[in-house]
Each structure stands twice: as structure tokens, then as C-alpha cells.
Amino acid sequence: MRPFGSHQVLVVESDPWLQHAVARWIEGAGFECLSVSAPDEALALAQEEEADVAIVSGPMEAWTPAHLAHALQSRDADLPVIVVRPSGETARGFRGRRGAVEEIEAPLTRGAVMRAVHRAFEWRDASAEDRARYRELERAVIAQAALVREACQSEPCTEAGLTSAFTAFLDRRLPG
């Protein structure tokens, strides 16, 4: 179990030297680094630990970085994944299911990796705030629906009346 407030970055890199360098950059920035060299190890580790961000790099046997990103996001749909693409290769515009997927080009530099990691954390934090707002709105809609149901039991309701009541509710709840 990790300490409260610590952030974990999963690094999947087959080159031991590069894996060590990226881990030092991550740890030097105050994050905890979980390093593995193969996709299967990454998926097994994802079962045990909950990373906040993943970096997927290097040649992988029988896996593409996009496939590994999707496999990791099938376990955590909101996991931001940073995919490292070979130098000169055209950007593919990866998109995860819900989590952000960003591409950075090799060769890796400390600055490029850390900028991508910080953007991923910003995205994850904003996403968490959005989920909290959604849950609040969902609770309010359920409460309003209960009130409408109760009102309909006391007198006949028409579709137009329900639509009007629901629209008025949303007008009060949603900004702008």
C-alpha cells in the first residue's frame, strides 16, 4: 500500500538503461515509479498497484503501445497513458476509452517526459473533479425524479408537464 498523497507512475520500457533513466527523472520529481520491461509484467502489476499515470515505450513482443494502452485502460478507464513513438514516425493521435493518451517522440528527454507527466496529472485531476460534479448532478436528478414521481401519484401527469418540470430543474442546476 502506498503512502497517502503519493503519486505513482508506471513505466513500461524494454531498454534497461532507458527504463532506469526515466525512473530517475520520475523519482527526482517526487513521484513513485513502478518500472517493468514487458507488457505482461505491466498488466500483472496493474492488478496489484493502482498507477496514476503510465508511460509505454520501447519495442514490445506481440504488443503495440496502443494495444497495451487500451489493455491498461480496460482495468482503469481514466488512466492517462503516455505513448512514446519512435523518432520520425507519424503521430497516430491515440485516444483511450476515457483516459487521455498522449504521444511523445523518442529520443526521450527529461523535459519532454516531465511535461507529459504533469499534463497527465492535470488531466487526471480535472477528470476526477468532473466525475464528482457528475455524481452530484446524478444525485440531484434522482431526488428530483422522486419528487416528480410523488407529484404524479397525487394527480395525473402529462408528458409535456414532466418535460417542463425536468427542464426547469436543469435550468436551476446547470451553470450557463
Protein backbone atom coordinates (compact mmCIF):
# COMPACT_ATOMS: atom_id res chain seq x y z
CA MET A 1 0.00 0.00 0.00
CA ARG A 2 1.40 3.40 -0.92
CA PRO A 3 1.58 6.42 1.37
CA PHE A 4 -1.38 8.81 1.28
CA GLY A 5 -0.88 11.55 -1.29
CA SER A 6 1.91 9.83 -3.23
CA HIS A 7 1.58 9.60 -6.99
CA GLN A 8 2.65 6.52 -8.92
CA VAL A 9 3.88 6.44 -12.49
CA LEU A 10 4.06 3.08 -14.27
CA VAL A 11 6.92 2.94 -16.78
CA VAL A 12 6.94 0.15 -19.38
CA GLU A 13 10.29 0.19 -21.18
CA SER A 14 12.25 -2.79 -22.55
CA ASP A 15 15.64 -1.00 -22.63
CA PRO A 16 17.10 -1.29 -19.09
CA TRP A 17 19.24 1.85 -19.44
CA LEU A 18 16.32 3.99 -20.64
CA GLN A 19 14.00 2.45 -18.03
CA HIS A 20 16.48 3.43 -15.31
CA ALA A 21 16.87 6.96 -16.69
CA VAL A 22 13.11 7.57 -16.88
CA ALA A 23 12.65 6.14 -13.37
CA ARG A 24 15.28 8.57 -12.04
CA TRP A 25 13.51 11.51 -13.72
CA ILE A 26 10.16 10.44 -12.26
CA GLU A 27 11.55 9.87 -8.77
CA GLY A 28 13.56 13.10 -8.95
CA ALA A 29 10.29 14.97 -9.48
CA GLY A 30 8.88 13.43 -6.29
CA PHE A 31 6.74 10.68 -7.80
CA GLU A 32 6.92 6.97 -7.07
CA CYS A 33 7.99 4.96 -10.11
CA LEU A 34 6.86 1.42 -10.92
CA SER A 35 9.16 0.10 -13.68
CA VAL A 36 8.66 -3.02 -15.77
CA SER A 37 10.16 -4.19 -19.04
CA ALA A 38 7.29 -6.13 -20.63
CA PRO A 39 3.54 -5.67 -21.26
CA ASP A 40 2.64 -8.82 -19.32
CA GLU A 41 4.54 -7.50 -16.30
CA ALA A 42 2.71 -4.17 -16.63
CA LEU A 43 -0.69 -5.85 -16.67
CA ALA A 44 0.22 -8.04 -13.67
CA LEU A 45 1.47 -5.01 -11.76
CA ALA A 46 -1.70 -3.10 -12.66
CA GLN A 47 -3.64 -5.85 -10.84
CA GLU A 48 -1.65 -5.21 -7.65
CA GLU A 49 -0.95 -1.48 -7.76
CA GLU A 50 -3.00 1.47 -8.95
CA ALA A 51 -0.80 3.75 -11.03
CA ASP A 52 -1.90 7.34 -11.60
CA VAL A 53 -0.14 7.67 -14.98
CA ALA A 54 1.52 5.17 -17.34
CA ILE A 55 4.35 5.66 -19.82
CA VAL A 56 4.54 2.98 -22.54
CA SER A 57 7.70 2.81 -24.62
CA GLY A 58 10.10 0.58 -26.49
CA PRO A 59 9.66 -2.36 -28.82
CA MET A 60 7.35 -4.96 -27.31
CA GLU A 61 6.89 -8.57 -28.30
CA ALA A 62 3.42 -9.19 -29.76
CA TRP A 63 2.12 -5.85 -28.44
CA THR A 64 1.88 -2.37 -29.86
CA PRO A 65 1.97 0.57 -27.46
CA ALA A 66 -1.64 1.32 -28.44
CA HIS A 67 -2.77 -2.21 -27.53
CA LEU A 68 -1.01 -2.01 -24.18
CA ALA A 69 -2.53 1.43 -23.52
CA HIS A 70 -6.01 0.03 -24.19
CA ALA A 71 -5.34 -3.06 -22.05
CA LEU A 72 -4.22 -0.87 -19.14
CA GLN A 73 -7.25 1.38 -19.59
CA SER A 74 -9.57 -1.62 -19.59
CA ARG A 75 -8.51 -2.01 -15.94
CA ASP A 76 -8.70 1.73 -15.20
CA ALA A 77 -10.67 3.67 -17.81
CA ASP A 78 -9.38 7.01 -16.53
CA LEU A 79 -5.67 6.09 -16.54
CA PRO A 80 -3.72 8.66 -18.55
CA VAL A 81 -1.23 6.85 -20.80
CA ILE A 82 1.78 8.47 -22.44
CA VAL A 83 2.89 6.55 -25.54
CA VAL A 84 6.46 7.03 -26.75
CA ARG A 85 6.71 6.76 -30.52
CA PRO A 86 9.92 6.24 -32.48
CA SER A 87 11.66 9.30 -33.86
CA GLY A 88 10.32 10.31 -37.26
CA GLU A 89 7.20 8.15 -37.01
CA THR A 90 3.96 9.97 -37.77
CA ALA A 91 1.79 10.77 -34.76
CA ARG A 92 -1.20 8.43 -34.63
CA GLY A 93 -3.47 10.51 -32.44
CA PHE A 94 -4.15 7.67 -29.98
CA ARG A 95 -7.31 8.08 -27.95
CA GLY A 96 -8.10 5.94 -24.97
CA ARG A 97 -11.55 4.84 -23.93
CA ARG A 98 -11.85 7.66 -21.41
CA GLY A 99 -8.32 8.23 -20.20
CA ALA A 100 -6.05 10.60 -22.01
CA VAL A 101 -3.45 9.15 -24.29
CA GLU A 102 -0.61 11.43 -25.26
CA GLU A 103 2.25 10.75 -27.63
CA ILE A 104 5.78 11.97 -27.18
CA GLU A 105 8.57 11.35 -29.65
CA ALA A 106 11.79 9.46 -28.97
CA PRO A 107 14.55 10.10 -28.15
CA LEU A 108 13.22 10.94 -24.72
CA THR A 109 14.39 13.94 -22.78
CA ARG A 110 13.77 14.69 -19.15
CA GLY A 111 11.86 17.85 -20.08
CA ALA A 112 9.54 16.12 -22.58
CA VAL A 113 8.78 13.26 -20.19
CA MET A 114 8.10 15.51 -17.20
CA ARG A 115 5.91 17.92 -19.22
CA ALA A 116 3.84 14.95 -20.42
CA VAL A 117 3.61 13.52 -16.89
CA HIS A 118 2.48 16.86 -15.44
CA ARG A 119 -0.14 17.27 -18.20
CA ALA A 120 -1.36 13.72 -17.46
CA PHE A 121 -1.74 14.53 -13.76
CA GLU A 122 -3.59 17.74 -14.60
CA TRP A 123 -5.94 15.76 -16.86
CA ARG A 124 -6.50 13.09 -14.19
CA ASP A 125 -7.25 15.72 -11.52
CA ALA A 126 -9.67 17.58 -13.80
CA SER A 127 -11.31 14.30 -14.74
CA ALA A 128 -11.81 13.45 -11.05
CA GLU A 129 -13.46 16.84 -10.49
CA ASP A 130 -15.75 16.23 -13.48
CA ARG A 131 -16.72 12.81 -12.12
CA ALA A 132 -17.54 14.37 -8.73
CA ARG A 133 -19.73 17.03 -10.40
CA TYR A 134 -21.44 14.33 -12.45
CA ARG A 135 -22.19 12.27 -9.31
CA GLU A 136 -23.61 15.39 -7.60
CA LEU A 137 -25.83 16.13 -10.60
CA GLU A 138 -26.90 12.49 -10.78
CA ARG A 139 -27.96 12.54 -7.10
CA ALA A 140 -29.91 15.75 -7.69
CA VAL A 141 -31.66 14.27 -10.74
CA ILE A 142 -32.62 11.16 -8.75
CA ALA A 143 -34.01 13.35 -5.96
CA GLN A 144 -35.96 15.48 -8.46
CA ALA A 145 -37.30 12.36 -10.18
CA ALA A 146 -38.57 11.12 -6.82
CA LEU A 147 -40.38 14.43 -6.30
CA VAL A 148 -41.90 14.25 -9.78
CA ARG A 149 -42.99 10.64 -9.19
CA GLU A 150 -44.58 11.67 -5.91
CA ALA A 151 -46.40 14.56 -7.60
CA CYS A 152 -47.65 12.24 -10.35
CA GLN A 153 -49.15 9.90 -7.80
CA SER A 154 -51.32 12.65 -6.39
CA GLU A 155 -52.56 13.93 -9.77
CA PRO A 156 -52.34 12.84 -13.42
CA CYS A 157 -49.14 13.96 -15.20
CA THR A 158 -48.72 14.55 -18.90
CA GLU A 159 -45.50 14.13 -20.87
CA ALA A 160 -45.40 17.89 -21.51
CA GLY A 161 -45.76 18.59 -17.79
CA LEU A 162 -42.93 16.20 -16.91
CA THR A 163 -40.69 17.65 -19.62
CA SER A 164 -41.39 21.16 -18.38
CA ALA A 165 -40.66 20.20 -14.75
CA PHE A 166 -37.43 18.47 -15.70
CA THR A 167 -36.28 21.38 -17.89
CA ALA A 168 -36.95 23.82 -15.06
CA PHE A 169 -34.92 21.59 -12.74
CA LEU A 170 -31.97 21.51 -15.12
CA ASP A 171 -32.13 25.27 -15.60
CA ARG A 172 -31.72 25.69 -11.85
CA ARG A 173 -28.88 23.13 -11.57
CA LEU A 174 -26.66 23.71 -14.61
CA PRO A 175 -24.43 26.77 -14.94
CA GLY A 176 -24.67 29.00 -18.00
